[in-house]
Amino acid sequence: MLDFCSVDSRMSEKETLVGSSGTDELSQRIAGFLGISDDELKPVLADHVLSDCLVNKLQEFNNLQSNNLRLHATVDELKALCTSKVDSLKKETERLIRENDTEKQRRNRLEEQVSQLTKEKTLALGQMENVKFELQNTIEQV
């Protein structure tokens, strides 16, 4: 059980947690961490091995909270970055859709012009055949 708590006389961590107010503040912080009253904790703190274990766990908890905050900040940054990229891609997609619509309209106009020119060509060829036929009839009559 001692290995689990990793009691290796980390006095600097304990001193950091104790602070200038001494063991009363440490006792209050550990009690708050465990969710028990300060009076319920006093007999436990009398055992230095258990006290050191609790200090280590409190330090580990504080480190985990700190890491959790950093991770949340990183996630928020990534969300913002992704949102920005998604917005950018949406704008680019909308621009490409508008450009595609414009090109479709242009192609439709060109197809209409080709159709109209084809009709005019067909009419012109028909008129030319009529004129050719009339010319041949005129030549034959002369």
N, C-alpha and C. Protein backbone atom coordinates (compact mmCIF):
# COMPACT_ATOMS: atom_id res chain seq x y z
N MET A 1 0.83 -1.19 0.00
CA MET A 1 0.00 0.00 0.00
C MET A 1 0.86 1.24 0.00
N LEU A 2 2.04 1.15 0.54
CA LEU A 2 2.92 2.31 0.54
C LEU A 2 3.36 2.65 -0.87
N ASP A 3 3.57 1.63 -1.73
CA ASP A 3 3.95 1.90 -3.10
C ASP A 3 2.84 2.65 -3.83
N PHE A 4 1.58 2.29 -3.57
CA PHE A 4 0.45 2.93 -4.22
C PHE A 4 0.42 4.43 -3.93
N CYS A 5 0.71 4.78 -2.70
CA CYS A 5 0.67 6.19 -2.32
C CYS A 5 1.96 6.90 -2.69
N SER A 6 2.98 6.14 -3.03
CA SER A 6 4.30 6.67 -3.40
C SER A 6 4.81 7.68 -2.38
N VAL A 7 4.88 7.23 -1.14
CA VAL A 7 5.39 8.08 -0.08
C VAL A 7 6.91 8.03 -0.16
N ASP A 8 7.47 9.09 -0.64
CA ASP A 8 8.93 9.15 -0.74
C ASP A 8 9.44 10.45 -0.14
N SER A 9 8.82 10.84 0.94
CA SER A 9 9.17 12.05 1.70
C SER A 9 9.32 13.26 0.78
N ARG A 10 8.24 13.60 0.09
CA ARG A 10 8.22 14.79 -0.77
C ARG A 10 7.84 16.00 0.10
N MET A 11 8.76 16.44 0.84
CA MET A 11 8.47 17.54 1.75
C MET A 11 8.21 18.84 1.00
N SER A 12 8.83 19.03 -0.16
CA SER A 12 8.61 20.29 -0.87
C SER A 12 7.16 20.39 -1.35
N GLU A 13 6.58 19.27 -1.83
CA GLU A 13 5.18 19.30 -2.24
C GLU A 13 4.28 19.53 -1.05
N LYS A 14 4.62 18.86 0.05
CA LYS A 14 3.81 19.02 1.26
C LYS A 14 3.92 20.45 1.76
N GLU A 15 5.12 21.01 1.72
CA GLU A 15 5.29 22.39 2.17
C GLU A 15 4.55 23.34 1.25
N THR A 16 4.53 23.04 -0.04
CA THR A 16 3.80 23.88 -0.98
C THR A 16 2.31 23.85 -0.67
N LEU A 17 1.81 22.64 -0.40
CA LEU A 17 0.39 22.52 -0.08
C LEU A 17 0.05 23.12 1.28
N VAL A 18 0.98 22.99 2.21
CA VAL A 18 0.73 23.52 3.55
C VAL A 18 0.69 25.04 3.50
N GLY A 19 1.61 25.65 2.82
CA GLY A 19 1.64 27.10 2.70
C GLY A 19 2.03 27.76 4.00
N SER A 20 1.78 29.05 4.08
CA SER A 20 2.19 29.81 5.26
C SER A 20 1.26 29.58 6.45
N SER A 21 0.04 29.11 6.21
CA SER A 21 -0.92 28.91 7.30
C SER A 21 -0.67 27.62 8.05
N GLY A 22 0.18 26.75 7.52
CA GLY A 22 0.55 25.54 8.22
C GLY A 22 -0.42 24.41 8.02
N THR A 23 -0.43 23.52 9.00
CA THR A 23 -1.20 22.28 8.87
C THR A 23 -2.70 22.50 8.93
N ASP A 24 -3.16 23.60 9.51
CA ASP A 24 -4.61 23.86 9.55
C ASP A 24 -5.15 24.04 8.13
N GLU A 25 -4.44 24.81 7.34
CA GLU A 25 -4.88 25.01 5.96
C GLU A 25 -4.80 23.69 5.19
N LEU A 26 -3.72 22.94 5.41
CA LEU A 26 -3.57 21.64 4.77
C LEU A 26 -4.71 20.72 5.17
N SER A 27 -5.03 20.71 6.44
CA SER A 27 -6.11 19.87 6.95
C SER A 27 -7.43 20.26 6.29
N GLN A 28 -7.68 21.56 6.15
CA GLN A 28 -8.92 22.04 5.54
C GLN A 28 -8.98 21.67 4.06
N ARG A 29 -7.83 21.80 3.38
CA ARG A 29 -7.80 21.47 1.94
C ARG A 29 -8.04 19.99 1.71
N ILE A 30 -7.40 19.16 2.54
CA ILE A 30 -7.59 17.71 2.40
C ILE A 30 -9.02 17.33 2.76
N ALA A 31 -9.56 17.91 3.81
CA ALA A 31 -10.94 17.63 4.21
C ALA A 31 -11.89 18.03 3.08
N GLY A 32 -11.66 19.18 2.50
CA GLY A 32 -12.49 19.62 1.38
C GLY A 32 -12.36 18.69 0.19
N PHE A 33 -11.15 18.25 -0.07
CA PHE A 33 -10.89 17.33 -1.17
C PHE A 33 -11.64 16.01 -0.95
N LEU A 34 -11.62 15.52 0.29
CA LEU A 34 -12.27 14.25 0.61
C LEU A 34 -13.76 14.39 0.89
N GLY A 35 -14.21 15.61 1.12
CA GLY A 35 -15.63 15.83 1.40
C GLY A 35 -16.01 15.43 2.81
N ILE A 36 -15.08 15.62 3.74
CA ILE A 36 -15.37 15.31 5.14
C ILE A 36 -15.02 16.53 5.98
N SER A 37 -15.43 16.49 7.25
CA SER A 37 -15.15 17.64 8.12
C SER A 37 -13.70 17.59 8.57
N ASP A 38 -13.21 18.75 8.99
CA ASP A 38 -11.83 18.88 9.47
C ASP A 38 -11.63 18.02 10.72
N ASP A 39 -12.63 17.95 11.58
CA ASP A 39 -12.53 17.15 12.80
C ASP A 39 -12.42 15.65 12.49
N GLU A 40 -13.14 15.20 11.45
CA GLU A 40 -13.08 13.79 11.07
C GLU A 40 -11.71 13.44 10.50
N LEU A 41 -11.04 14.43 9.96
CA LEU A 41 -9.75 14.19 9.31
C LEU A 41 -8.58 14.18 10.29
N LYS A 42 -8.69 14.88 11.40
CA LYS A 42 -7.56 15.03 12.33
C LYS A 42 -6.95 13.70 12.78
N PRO A 43 -7.74 12.69 13.13
CA PRO A 43 -7.11 11.41 13.53
C PRO A 43 -6.33 10.77 12.37
N VAL A 44 -6.82 10.95 11.17
CA VAL A 44 -6.14 10.36 10.01
C VAL A 44 -4.82 11.06 9.77
N LEU A 45 -4.78 12.38 9.95
CA LEU A 45 -3.56 13.14 9.71
C LEU A 45 -2.48 12.87 10.76
N ALA A 46 -2.88 12.29 11.87
CA ALA A 46 -1.89 11.95 12.89
C ALA A 46 -0.93 10.88 12.37
N ASP A 47 -1.41 10.03 11.48
CA ASP A 47 -0.56 9.01 10.86
C ASP A 47 0.19 9.69 9.70
N HIS A 48 1.52 9.85 9.84
CA HIS A 48 2.30 10.59 8.85
C HIS A 48 2.34 9.90 7.49
N VAL A 49 2.34 8.58 7.49
CA VAL A 49 2.34 7.86 6.21
C VAL A 49 1.02 8.15 5.47
N LEU A 50 -0.09 8.04 6.18
CA LEU A 50 -1.38 8.32 5.57
C LEU A 50 -1.50 9.79 5.20
N SER A 51 -0.96 10.64 6.04
CA SER A 51 -0.97 12.08 5.77
C SER A 51 -0.20 12.37 4.48
N ASP A 52 0.98 11.76 4.36
CA ASP A 52 1.78 11.97 3.14
C ASP A 52 1.05 11.44 1.91
N CYS A 53 0.41 10.30 2.08
CA CYS A 53 -0.37 9.72 0.98
C CYS A 53 -1.48 10.67 0.55
N LEU A 54 -2.18 11.23 1.51
CA LEU A 54 -3.26 12.18 1.19
C LEU A 54 -2.72 13.43 0.52
N VAL A 55 -1.58 13.91 1.00
CA VAL A 55 -0.96 15.09 0.37
C VAL A 55 -0.60 14.77 -1.07
N ASN A 56 -0.03 13.59 -1.28
CA ASN A 56 0.34 13.19 -2.65
C ASN A 56 -0.89 13.09 -3.54
N LYS A 57 -1.95 12.50 -3.01
CA LYS A 57 -3.18 12.37 -3.81
C LYS A 57 -3.80 13.74 -4.09
N LEU A 58 -3.72 14.63 -3.12
CA LEU A 58 -4.23 15.98 -3.34
C LEU A 58 -3.42 16.67 -4.42
N GLN A 59 -2.11 16.52 -4.38
CA GLN A 59 -1.25 17.10 -5.41
C GLN A 59 -1.56 16.49 -6.78
N GLU A 60 -1.74 15.17 -6.80
CA GLU A 60 -2.08 14.49 -8.05
C GLU A 60 -3.42 15.00 -8.59
N PHE A 61 -4.38 15.18 -7.69
CA PHE A 61 -5.69 15.69 -8.08
C PHE A 61 -5.56 17.11 -8.65
N ASN A 62 -4.78 17.94 -7.98
CA ASN A 62 -4.57 19.32 -8.47
C ASN A 62 -3.92 19.31 -9.85
N ASN A 63 -2.95 18.41 -10.04
CA ASN A 63 -2.30 18.31 -11.35
C ASN A 63 -3.29 17.86 -12.42
N LEU A 64 -4.13 16.89 -12.07
CA LEU A 64 -5.14 16.42 -13.01
C LEU A 64 -6.14 17.52 -13.36
N GLN A 65 -6.52 18.30 -12.35
CA GLN A 65 -7.42 19.43 -12.62
C GLN A 65 -6.76 20.43 -13.56
N SER A 66 -5.50 20.70 -13.31
CA SER A 66 -4.76 21.64 -14.15
C SER A 66 -4.67 21.11 -15.59
N ASN A 67 -4.34 19.83 -15.72
CA ASN A 67 -4.28 19.22 -17.05
C ASN A 67 -5.64 19.24 -17.73
N ASN A 68 -6.68 19.00 -16.94
CA ASN A 68 -8.03 19.03 -17.47
C ASN A 68 -8.38 20.42 -18.02
N LEU A 69 -8.01 21.44 -17.29
CA LEU A 69 -8.25 22.81 -17.76
C LEU A 69 -7.49 23.09 -19.05
N ARG A 70 -6.23 22.65 -19.10
CA ARG A 70 -5.44 22.84 -20.33
C ARG A 70 -6.08 22.10 -21.50
N LEU A 71 -6.54 20.88 -21.23
CA LEU A 71 -7.18 20.10 -22.29
C LEU A 71 -8.47 20.77 -22.77
N HIS A 72 -9.25 21.27 -21.83
CA HIS A 72 -10.47 21.98 -22.22
C HIS A 72 -10.14 23.21 -23.07
N ALA A 73 -9.10 23.93 -22.68
CA ALA A 73 -8.69 25.10 -23.47
C ALA A 73 -8.26 24.66 -24.87
N THR A 74 -7.51 23.57 -24.94
CA THR A 74 -7.07 23.06 -26.24
C THR A 74 -8.26 22.63 -27.09
N VAL A 75 -9.21 21.94 -26.46
CA VAL A 75 -10.41 21.52 -27.19
C VAL A 75 -11.18 22.74 -27.69
N ASP A 76 -11.30 23.76 -26.85
CA ASP A 76 -12.00 24.98 -27.27
C ASP A 76 -11.28 25.65 -28.44
N GLU A 77 -9.95 25.67 -28.39
CA GLU A 77 -9.17 26.23 -29.50
C GLU A 77 -9.40 25.43 -30.78
N LEU A 78 -9.39 24.11 -30.65
CA LEU A 78 -9.61 23.26 -31.82
C LEU A 78 -11.02 23.44 -32.38
N LYS A 79 -12.00 23.57 -31.48
CA LYS A 79 -13.37 23.81 -31.93
C LYS A 79 -13.45 25.11 -32.73
N ALA A 80 -12.82 26.15 -32.18
CA ALA A 80 -12.84 27.44 -32.85
C ALA A 80 -12.15 27.34 -34.21
N LEU A 81 -11.02 26.65 -34.25
CA LEU A 81 -10.28 26.49 -35.50
C LEU A 81 -11.12 25.71 -36.51
N CYS A 82 -11.74 24.62 -36.06
CA CYS A 82 -12.58 23.82 -36.95
C CYS A 82 -13.78 24.61 -37.43
N THR A 83 -14.39 25.36 -36.54
CA THR A 83 -15.53 26.19 -36.93
C THR A 83 -15.12 27.21 -37.98
N SER A 84 -13.95 27.80 -37.77
CA SER A 84 -13.44 28.76 -38.74
C SER A 84 -13.20 28.10 -40.09
N LYS A 85 -12.61 26.91 -40.08
CA LYS A 85 -12.36 26.20 -41.33
C LYS A 85 -13.66 25.79 -42.01
N VAL A 86 -14.63 25.33 -41.21
CA VAL A 86 -15.92 24.94 -41.78
C VAL A 86 -16.59 26.16 -42.41
N ASP A 87 -16.56 27.29 -41.73
CA ASP A 87 -17.15 28.51 -42.28
C ASP A 87 -16.47 28.91 -43.57
N SER A 88 -15.16 28.80 -43.58
CA SER A 88 -14.39 29.12 -44.79
C SER A 88 -14.76 28.19 -45.93
N LEU A 89 -14.87 26.90 -45.63
CA LEU A 89 -15.25 25.93 -46.66
C LEU A 89 -16.68 26.16 -47.14
N LYS A 90 -17.58 26.55 -46.24
CA LYS A 90 -18.95 26.85 -46.64
C LYS A 90 -18.97 28.03 -47.62
N LYS A 91 -18.21 29.07 -47.29
CA LYS A 91 -18.15 30.23 -48.18
C LYS A 91 -17.58 29.85 -49.53
N GLU A 92 -16.52 29.05 -49.52
CA GLU A 92 -15.91 28.62 -50.78
C GLU A 92 -16.88 27.76 -51.58
N THR A 93 -17.62 26.89 -50.90
CA THR A 93 -18.61 26.05 -51.58
C THR A 93 -19.72 26.91 -52.19
N GLU A 94 -20.19 27.88 -51.42
CA GLU A 94 -21.22 28.78 -51.94
C GLU A 94 -20.72 29.54 -53.16
N ARG A 95 -19.47 29.99 -53.11
CA ARG A 95 -18.88 30.71 -54.25
C ARG A 95 -18.81 29.80 -55.47
N LEU A 96 -18.38 28.56 -55.26
CA LEU A 96 -18.27 27.61 -56.37
C LEU A 96 -19.64 27.27 -56.94
N ILE A 97 -20.65 27.17 -56.08
CA ILE A 97 -22.02 26.90 -56.55
C ILE A 97 -22.51 28.06 -57.41
N ARG A 98 -22.25 29.29 -56.94
CA ARG A 98 -22.65 30.47 -57.73
C ARG A 98 -21.92 30.47 -59.08
N GLU A 99 -20.63 30.18 -59.04
CA GLU A 99 -19.84 30.14 -60.27
C GLU A 99 -20.37 29.05 -61.21
N ASN A 100 -20.71 27.91 -60.66
CA ASN A 100 -21.27 26.81 -61.46
C ASN A 100 -22.60 27.22 -62.08
N ASP A 101 -23.45 27.88 -61.29
CA ASP A 101 -24.74 28.35 -61.82
C ASP A 101 -24.53 29.34 -62.96
N THR A 102 -23.57 30.23 -62.79
CA THR A 102 -23.27 31.20 -63.84
C THR A 102 -22.81 30.49 -65.12
N GLU A 103 -21.96 29.49 -64.96
CA GLU A 103 -21.47 28.74 -66.12
C GLU A 103 -22.60 27.95 -66.78
N LYS A 104 -23.53 27.41 -65.97
CA LYS A 104 -24.68 26.70 -66.54
C LYS A 104 -25.54 27.65 -67.38
N GLN A 105 -25.77 28.85 -66.84
CA GLN A 105 -26.55 29.84 -67.58
C GLN A 105 -25.85 30.21 -68.89
N ARG A 106 -24.55 30.38 -68.81
CA ARG A 106 -23.77 30.72 -70.01
C ARG A 106 -23.87 29.59 -71.04
N ARG A 107 -23.72 28.35 -70.58
CA ARG A 107 -23.83 27.20 -71.47
C ARG A 107 -25.23 27.11 -72.09
N ASN A 108 -26.26 27.37 -71.28
CA ASN A 108 -27.63 27.34 -71.80
C ASN A 108 -27.84 28.39 -72.88
N ARG A 109 -27.28 29.60 -72.65
CA ARG A 109 -27.38 30.66 -73.66
C ARG A 109 -26.67 30.24 -74.95
N LEU A 110 -25.49 29.63 -74.80
CA LEU A 110 -24.75 29.18 -75.97
C LEU A 110 -25.51 28.09 -76.71
N GLU A 111 -26.12 27.16 -75.98
CA GLU A 111 -26.90 26.10 -76.61
C GLU A 111 -28.10 26.68 -77.35
N GLU A 112 -28.74 27.70 -76.75
CA GLU A 112 -29.86 28.37 -77.41
C GLU A 112 -29.39 29.05 -78.69
N GLN A 113 -28.23 29.71 -78.62
CA GLN A 113 -27.68 30.36 -79.81
C GLN A 113 -27.35 29.35 -80.89
N VAL A 114 -26.75 28.21 -80.50
CA VAL A 114 -26.43 27.16 -81.47
C VAL A 114 -27.72 26.64 -82.10
N SER A 115 -28.74 26.43 -81.27
CA SER A 115 -30.02 25.94 -81.79
C SER A 115 -30.62 26.96 -82.76
N GLN A 116 -30.58 28.22 -82.39
CA GLN A 116 -31.12 29.27 -83.25
C GLN A 116 -30.35 29.34 -84.56
N LEU A 117 -29.02 29.27 -84.47
CA LEU A 117 -28.20 29.32 -85.69
C LEU A 117 -28.44 28.10 -86.57
N THR A 118 -28.65 26.94 -85.92
CA THR A 118 -28.94 25.73 -86.69
C THR A 118 -30.26 25.88 -87.44
N LYS A 119 -31.27 26.45 -86.77
CA LYS A 119 -32.56 26.69 -87.42
C LYS A 119 -32.38 27.66 -88.59
N GLU A 120 -31.64 28.75 -88.35
CA GLU A 120 -31.41 29.73 -89.41
C GLU A 120 -30.66 29.11 -90.58
N LYS A 121 -29.68 28.24 -90.27
CA LYS A 121 -28.92 27.56 -91.33
C LYS A 121 -29.84 26.67 -92.14
N THR A 122 -30.70 25.92 -91.43
CA THR A 122 -31.65 25.03 -92.11
C THR A 122 -32.57 25.84 -93.01
N LEU A 123 -33.09 26.96 -92.52
CA LEU A 123 -33.94 27.83 -93.34
C LEU A 123 -33.18 28.38 -94.53
N ALA A 124 -31.94 28.81 -94.27
CA ALA A 124 -31.12 29.37 -95.36
C ALA A 124 -30.84 28.31 -96.42
N LEU A 125 -30.55 27.09 -95.99
CA LEU A 125 -30.30 26.00 -96.95
C LEU A 125 -31.57 25.71 -97.75
N GLY A 126 -32.71 25.72 -97.05
CA GLY A 126 -33.98 25.51 -97.74
C GLY A 126 -34.24 26.60 -98.75
N GLN A 127 -34.00 27.85 -98.38
CA GLN A 127 -34.19 28.97 -99.30
C GLN A 127 -33.22 28.86 -100.47
N MET A 128 -32.00 28.43 -100.18
CA MET A 128 -30.99 28.29 -101.23
C MET A 128 -31.41 27.19 -102.22
N GLU A 129 -31.97 26.12 -101.71
CA GLU A 129 -32.44 25.05 -102.58
C GLU A 129 -33.60 25.55 -103.45
N ASN A 130 -34.49 26.35 -102.82
CA ASN A 130 -35.60 26.91 -103.59
C ASN A 130 -35.08 27.84 -104.69
N VAL A 131 -34.13 28.67 -104.36
CA VAL A 131 -33.57 29.60 -105.34
C VAL A 131 -32.86 28.80 -106.44
N LYS A 132 -32.12 27.76 -106.05
CA LYS A 132 -31.40 26.92 -107.01
C LYS A 132 -32.41 26.24 -107.94
N PHE A 133 -33.50 25.73 -107.35
CA PHE A 133 -34.52 25.07 -108.15
C PHE A 133 -35.16 26.06 -109.13
N GLU A 134 -35.47 27.26 -108.62
CA GLU A 134 -36.07 28.29 -109.47
C GLU A 134 -35.10 28.71 -110.56
N LEU A 135 -33.83 28.78 -110.23
CA LEU A 135 -32.79 29.16 -111.20
C LEU A 135 -32.70 28.09 -112.28
N GLN A 136 -32.74 26.83 -111.92
CA GLN A 136 -32.69 25.75 -112.89
C GLN A 136 -33.92 25.79 -113.80
N ASN A 137 -35.08 26.07 -113.21
CA ASN A 137 -36.30 26.17 -113.99
C ASN A 137 -36.22 27.34 -114.96
N THR A 138 -35.66 28.42 -114.52
CA THR A 138 -35.52 29.60 -115.38
C THR A 138 -34.55 29.30 -116.51
N ILE A 139 -33.45 28.61 -116.22
CA ILE A 139 -32.45 28.27 -117.25
C ILE A 139 -33.07 27.31 -118.25
N GLU A 140 -33.84 26.37 -117.79
CA GLU A 140 -34.48 25.40 -118.67
C GLU A 140 -35.54 26.07 -119.55
N GLN A 141 -36.17 27.12 -119.06
CA GLN A 141 -37.20 27.82 -119.82
C GLN A 141 -36.58 28.72 -120.86
N VAL A 142 -35.43 29.11 -120.73
CA VAL A 142 -34.78 30.04 -121.66
C VAL A 142 -34.19 29.32 -122.80
